[in-house]
């Protein structure tokens, strides 16, 4: 099942809100990765790998 842009926007919005609720600041690099996910340039799996790699949590 394909995820639409609107659905991906909602997923990202919820994820970023959760980070903020935890008291974390979302970096510009992470926001860029999320934007690439929203427009379909990377999959959710690829986006997660990139974000984990940024923080050494591979």
Protein backbone atom coordinates (compact mmCIF):
# COMPACT_ATOMS: atom_id res chain seq x y z
CA UNK A 1 0.00 0.00 0.00
CA UNK A 2 1.42 3.40 -0.99
CA UNK A 3 1.54 6.15 1.56
CA UNK A 4 0.28 9.47 0.26
CA UNK A 5 2.05 12.77 0.77
CA UNK A 6 -0.68 13.90 3.17
CA UNK A 7 -0.36 10.70 5.20
CA UNK A 8 3.45 11.08 5.34
CA UNK A 9 3.05 14.72 6.46
CA UNK A 10 0.80 13.58 9.29
CA UNK A 11 3.24 10.84 10.32
CA UNK A 12 6.17 13.30 10.37
CA UNK A 13 4.18 15.94 12.23
CA UNK A 14 3.31 13.41 14.94
CA UNK A 15 6.89 12.14 15.19
CA UNK A 16 8.32 15.66 15.50
CA UNK A 17 5.69 16.59 18.09
CA UNK A 18 6.65 13.52 20.10
CA UNK A 19 10.31 14.54 20.02
CA UNK A 20 9.40 18.01 21.28
CA UNK A 21 7.23 16.55 24.04
CA UNK A 22 10.27 14.58 25.16
CA UNK A 23 12.14 17.87 25.41
CA UNK A 24 14.33 17.22 22.39
CA UNK A 25 15.17 19.69 19.66
CA UNK A 26 14.82 18.40 16.10
CA UNK A 27 17.90 19.27 14.05
CA UNK A 28 17.74 20.87 10.61
CA UNK A 29 19.36 17.75 9.16
CA UNK A 30 16.64 15.56 10.64
CA UNK A 31 13.98 17.95 9.35
CA UNK A 32 15.52 17.72 5.87
CA UNK A 33 15.47 13.93 6.01
CA UNK A 34 11.82 14.11 7.10
CA UNK A 35 11.01 16.45 4.21
CA UNK A 36 12.64 13.99 1.78
CA UNK A 37 10.44 11.25 3.25
CA UNK A 38 7.31 13.39 2.88
CA UNK A 39 7.91 14.00 -0.82
CA UNK A 40 8.84 10.37 -1.43
CA UNK A 41 12.57 10.80 -2.09
CA UNK A 42 13.38 8.23 0.63
CA UNK A 43 11.37 5.47 2.26
CA UNK A 44 10.54 5.43 5.96
CA UNK A 45 13.20 2.74 6.44
CA UNK A 46 15.83 4.80 4.62
CA UNK A 47 14.92 7.93 6.59
CA UNK A 48 15.18 6.06 9.89
CA UNK A 49 18.59 4.63 8.89
CA UNK A 50 19.88 8.10 7.99
CA UNK A 51 18.68 9.60 11.26
CA UNK A 52 20.13 6.75 13.32
CA UNK A 53 23.44 7.04 11.46
CA UNK A 54 23.64 10.77 12.30
CA UNK A 55 23.58 9.89 15.99
CA UNK A 56 25.69 6.74 15.82
CA UNK A 57 22.78 4.49 16.69
CA UNK A 58 23.14 2.05 13.82
